[in-house]
Amino acid sequence: MFNISRNTLDLWLARQAETGSCKAKVAIGKPKTKIRDGERFREFVKQHGGKTQIQMALLWGEGVTQQNISDARKKIGISRKKRVRGIEKEMK
């Protein structure tokens, strides 16, 4: 009739018994980023832009990971360093 599974109906009935209402659960907000000071991070990236994200995470400290550095750089619009070593061109 409502085109829902039996499991969904059972979950709704269980929520009705527990809370007295079968309304949808309230969504939890977005997770907070570990790097909160944007200006300090911009200066940090200008100073240490030649390092890899792993090296930058170690320098930043505060339990920040490489992925946190990546997310913060993407948020402020700065691309990441793509190679560990420089590219050497041989001229003929």
N, C-alpha and C. Protein backbone atom coordinates (compact mmCIF):
# COMPACT_ATOMS: atom_id res chain seq x y z
N MET A 1 0.81 -1.18 0.00
CA MET A 1 0.00 0.00 0.00
C MET A 1 0.87 1.27 0.00
N PHE A 2 1.83 1.37 0.93
CA PHE A 2 2.70 2.53 0.97
C PHE A 2 4.01 2.29 0.23
N ASN A 3 4.19 1.08 -0.26
CA ASN A 3 5.38 0.71 -1.03
C ASN A 3 6.66 0.86 -0.18
N ILE A 4 6.59 0.37 1.08
CA ILE A 4 7.76 0.35 1.97
C ILE A 4 8.00 -1.08 2.42
N SER A 5 9.20 -1.35 2.90
CA SER A 5 9.52 -2.70 3.34
C SER A 5 8.98 -2.95 4.75
N ARG A 6 8.89 -4.19 5.11
CA ARG A 6 8.41 -4.58 6.45
C ARG A 6 9.40 -4.08 7.51
N ASN A 7 10.70 -4.11 7.18
CA ASN A 7 11.72 -3.65 8.11
C ASN A 7 11.52 -2.17 8.45
N THR A 8 11.22 -1.35 7.45
CA THR A 8 10.97 0.07 7.69
C THR A 8 9.78 0.27 8.60
N LEU A 9 8.72 -0.48 8.37
CA LEU A 9 7.53 -0.38 9.22
C LEU A 9 7.85 -0.79 10.65
N ASP A 10 8.64 -1.86 10.81
CA ASP A 10 9.03 -2.29 12.15
C ASP A 10 9.87 -1.23 12.86
N LEU A 11 10.76 -0.59 12.13
CA LEU A 11 11.57 0.48 12.72
C LEU A 11 10.71 1.66 13.15
N TRP A 12 9.73 2.01 12.34
CA TRP A 12 8.83 3.11 12.69
C TRP A 12 8.01 2.77 13.94
N LEU A 13 7.53 1.54 14.00
CA LEU A 13 6.75 1.12 15.17
C LEU A 13 7.61 1.10 16.43
N ALA A 14 8.85 0.66 16.30
CA ALA A 14 9.76 0.66 17.45
C ALA A 14 10.05 2.09 17.91
N ARG A 15 10.26 3.01 16.98
CA ARG A 15 10.49 4.42 17.34
C ARG A 15 9.24 5.01 18.00
N GLN A 16 8.06 4.63 17.52
CA GLN A 16 6.81 5.10 18.11
C GLN A 16 6.71 4.61 19.56
N ALA A 17 7.09 3.36 19.81
CA ALA A 17 7.02 2.81 21.17
C ALA A 17 8.04 3.48 22.10
N GLU A 18 9.24 3.79 21.57
CA GLU A 18 10.30 4.39 22.41
C GLU A 18 10.05 5.86 22.70
N THR A 19 9.76 6.64 21.67
CA THR A 19 9.71 8.10 21.82
C THR A 19 8.30 8.67 21.84
N GLY A 20 7.33 7.90 21.43
CA GLY A 20 5.97 8.42 21.36
C GLY A 20 5.66 9.12 20.05
N SER A 21 6.64 9.17 19.15
CA SER A 21 6.46 9.80 17.85
C SER A 21 7.24 9.01 16.81
N CYS A 22 6.74 8.97 15.61
CA CYS A 22 7.47 8.25 14.56
C CYS A 22 8.06 9.22 13.55
N LYS A 23 8.31 10.47 13.99
CA LYS A 23 8.93 11.46 13.12
C LYS A 23 10.35 11.04 12.78
N ALA A 24 10.86 11.56 11.69
CA ALA A 24 12.23 11.26 11.28
C ALA A 24 13.21 11.80 12.31
N LYS A 25 14.37 11.14 12.41
CA LYS A 25 15.40 11.60 13.33
C LYS A 25 15.96 12.93 12.85
N VAL A 26 16.35 13.76 13.79
CA VAL A 26 16.93 15.06 13.46
C VAL A 26 18.36 14.83 12.98
N ALA A 27 18.67 15.42 11.84
CA ALA A 27 20.01 15.25 11.27
C ALA A 27 21.04 15.99 12.11
N ILE A 28 22.21 15.37 12.23
CA ILE A 28 23.31 15.99 12.95
C ILE A 28 24.02 16.91 11.98
N GLY A 29 24.49 18.06 12.46
CA GLY A 29 25.16 19.04 11.61
C GLY A 29 26.45 18.53 11.02
N LYS A 30 27.04 19.34 10.18
CA LYS A 30 28.30 18.99 9.53
C LYS A 30 29.40 18.87 10.58
N PRO A 31 30.33 17.94 10.39
CA PRO A 31 31.43 17.83 11.34
C PRO A 31 32.33 19.06 11.27
N LYS A 32 32.86 19.46 12.41
CA LYS A 32 33.73 20.63 12.47
C LYS A 32 35.11 20.25 11.94
N THR A 33 35.71 21.19 11.24
CA THR A 33 37.04 20.94 10.70
C THR A 33 38.07 21.11 11.80
N LYS A 34 39.20 20.44 11.66
CA LYS A 34 40.26 20.54 12.64
C LYS A 34 41.04 21.83 12.47
N ILE A 35 41.07 22.37 11.26
CA ILE A 35 41.80 23.61 11.00
C ILE A 35 40.75 24.72 10.96
N ARG A 36 40.68 25.49 12.04
CA ARG A 36 39.62 26.50 12.17
C ARG A 36 40.10 27.90 11.82
N ASP A 37 41.38 28.19 12.00
CA ASP A 37 41.91 29.53 11.76
C ASP A 37 42.36 29.63 10.30
N GLY A 38 41.49 30.18 9.45
CA GLY A 38 41.76 30.25 8.02
C GLY A 38 42.94 31.13 7.66
N GLU A 39 43.05 32.29 8.30
CA GLU A 39 44.16 33.20 7.98
C GLU A 39 45.50 32.61 8.38
N ARG A 40 45.55 32.01 9.55
CA ARG A 40 46.79 31.37 9.99
C ARG A 40 47.18 30.24 9.03
N PHE A 41 46.17 29.49 8.56
CA PHE A 41 46.46 28.40 7.63
C PHE A 41 46.94 28.93 6.28
N ARG A 42 46.37 30.03 5.80
CA ARG A 42 46.84 30.63 4.53
C ARG A 42 48.31 31.02 4.62
N GLU A 43 48.68 31.66 5.74
CA GLU A 43 50.08 32.04 5.94
C GLU A 43 50.97 30.81 6.02
N PHE A 44 50.48 29.78 6.68
CA PHE A 44 51.22 28.53 6.81
C PHE A 44 51.45 27.90 5.43
N VAL A 45 50.44 27.93 4.57
CA VAL A 45 50.57 27.35 3.23
C VAL A 45 51.54 28.18 2.39
N LYS A 46 51.50 29.50 2.53
CA LYS A 46 52.45 30.34 1.79
C LYS A 46 53.89 30.04 2.20
N GLN A 47 54.07 29.82 3.49
CA GLN A 47 55.41 29.56 4.01
C GLN A 47 55.90 28.16 3.68
N HIS A 48 55.02 27.17 3.75
CA HIS A 48 55.41 25.76 3.57
C HIS A 48 54.76 25.14 2.34
N GLY A 49 54.48 25.92 1.30
CA GLY A 49 53.79 25.42 0.12
C GLY A 49 54.58 24.39 -0.68
N GLY A 50 55.89 24.34 -0.51
CA GLY A 50 56.70 23.39 -1.26
C GLY A 50 56.76 22.01 -0.64
N LYS A 51 56.16 21.84 0.50
CA LYS A 51 56.19 20.55 1.19
C LYS A 51 54.96 19.72 0.81
N THR A 52 55.06 18.43 1.03
CA THR A 52 53.91 17.56 0.78
C THR A 52 52.89 17.75 1.89
N GLN A 53 51.69 17.23 1.69
CA GLN A 53 50.63 17.39 2.69
C GLN A 53 50.96 16.64 3.97
N ILE A 54 51.64 15.52 3.86
CA ILE A 54 52.03 14.76 5.05
C ILE A 54 53.03 15.57 5.87
N GLN A 55 54.01 16.18 5.20
CA GLN A 55 54.98 17.01 5.90
C GLN A 55 54.30 18.22 6.54
N MET A 56 53.35 18.80 5.83
CA MET A 56 52.63 19.95 6.36
C MET A 56 51.80 19.56 7.59
N ALA A 57 51.20 18.38 7.56
CA ALA A 57 50.41 17.92 8.70
C ALA A 57 51.30 17.75 9.93
N LEU A 58 52.50 17.22 9.73
CA LEU A 58 53.43 17.05 10.85
C LEU A 58 53.86 18.41 11.40
N LEU A 59 54.08 19.39 10.52
CA LEU A 59 54.48 20.71 10.97
C LEU A 59 53.34 21.45 11.67
N TRP A 60 52.12 21.28 11.21
CA TRP A 60 50.97 21.98 11.80
C TRP A 60 50.71 21.46 13.21
N GLY A 61 50.82 20.13 13.40
CA GLY A 61 50.59 19.54 14.72
C GLY A 61 49.10 19.45 15.02
N GLU A 62 48.75 19.52 16.31
CA GLU A 62 47.36 19.52 16.79
C GLU A 62 46.56 18.31 16.31
N GLY A 63 47.22 17.20 16.02
CA GLY A 63 46.50 16.00 15.60
C GLY A 63 45.91 16.07 14.20
N VAL A 64 46.44 16.96 13.37
CA VAL A 64 45.93 17.14 12.01
C VAL A 64 46.54 16.07 11.10
N THR A 65 45.72 15.51 10.23
CA THR A 65 46.18 14.49 9.29
C THR A 65 46.38 15.08 7.90
N GLN A 66 46.92 14.27 7.02
CA GLN A 66 47.12 14.69 5.63
C GLN A 66 45.78 15.04 4.99
N GLN A 67 44.75 14.27 5.31
CA GLN A 67 43.43 14.53 4.72
C GLN A 67 42.87 15.86 5.20
N ASN A 68 43.13 16.22 6.47
CA ASN A 68 42.67 17.52 6.97
C ASN A 68 43.34 18.66 6.22
N ILE A 69 44.64 18.51 5.95
CA ILE A 69 45.38 19.52 5.17
C ILE A 69 44.78 19.61 3.77
N SER A 70 44.51 18.46 3.17
CA SER A 70 43.94 18.42 1.83
C SER A 70 42.58 19.12 1.79
N ASP A 71 41.72 18.83 2.76
CA ASP A 71 40.39 19.44 2.80
C ASP A 71 40.49 20.95 2.98
N ALA A 72 41.39 21.40 3.87
CA ALA A 72 41.53 22.83 4.12
C ALA A 72 42.09 23.56 2.91
N ARG A 73 43.04 22.94 2.21
CA ARG A 73 43.60 23.56 1.00
C ARG A 73 42.53 23.68 -0.08
N LYS A 74 41.73 22.64 -0.22
CA LYS A 74 40.66 22.66 -1.22
C LYS A 74 39.65 23.75 -0.88
N LYS A 75 39.37 23.91 0.41
CA LYS A 75 38.39 24.90 0.86
C LYS A 75 38.84 26.32 0.54
N ILE A 76 40.14 26.60 0.66
CA ILE A 76 40.63 27.95 0.37
C ILE A 76 41.07 28.11 -1.08
N GLY A 77 40.99 27.03 -1.86
CA GLY A 77 41.24 27.13 -3.30
C GLY A 77 42.69 27.04 -3.71
N ILE A 78 43.52 26.35 -2.92
CA ILE A 78 44.92 26.18 -3.27
C ILE A 78 45.15 24.71 -3.60
N SER A 79 45.74 24.45 -4.77
CA SER A 79 45.96 23.06 -5.17
C SER A 79 47.10 22.47 -4.37
N ARG A 80 47.19 21.16 -4.40
CA ARG A 80 48.21 20.45 -3.64
C ARG A 80 49.46 20.24 -4.46
N LYS A 81 50.58 19.94 -3.77
CA LYS A 81 51.80 19.59 -4.46
C LYS A 81 51.64 18.15 -4.94
N LYS A 82 51.86 17.94 -6.21
CA LYS A 82 51.55 16.64 -6.79
C LYS A 82 52.74 15.69 -6.84
N ARG A 83 53.95 16.20 -6.75
CA ARG A 83 55.13 15.33 -6.81
C ARG A 83 56.05 15.63 -5.64
N VAL A 84 56.70 14.58 -5.15
CA VAL A 84 57.65 14.76 -4.07
C VAL A 84 58.93 15.40 -4.59
N ARG A 85 59.39 14.94 -5.73
CA ARG A 85 60.61 15.49 -6.33
C ARG A 85 60.26 16.43 -7.47
N GLY A 86 61.17 17.32 -7.78
CA GLY A 86 60.96 18.21 -8.91
C GLY A 86 61.10 17.47 -10.24
N ILE A 87 60.58 18.06 -11.27
CA ILE A 87 60.67 17.45 -12.60
C ILE A 87 61.92 17.98 -13.28
N GLU A 88 62.75 17.07 -13.73
CA GLU A 88 63.97 17.46 -14.41
C GLU A 88 63.79 17.27 -15.91
N LYS A 89 64.09 18.31 -16.66
CA LYS A 89 64.00 18.21 -18.12
C LYS A 89 65.42 18.21 -18.67
N GLU A 90 65.60 17.36 -19.61
CA GLU A 90 66.90 17.34 -20.28
C GLU A 90 66.76 18.05 -21.61
N MET A 91 67.59 19.03 -21.81
CA MET A 91 67.56 19.77 -23.07
C MET A 91 68.59 19.18 -24.02
N LYS A 92 68.22 19.05 -25.27
CA LYS A 92 69.14 18.51 -26.27
C LYS A 92 69.77 19.61 -27.05
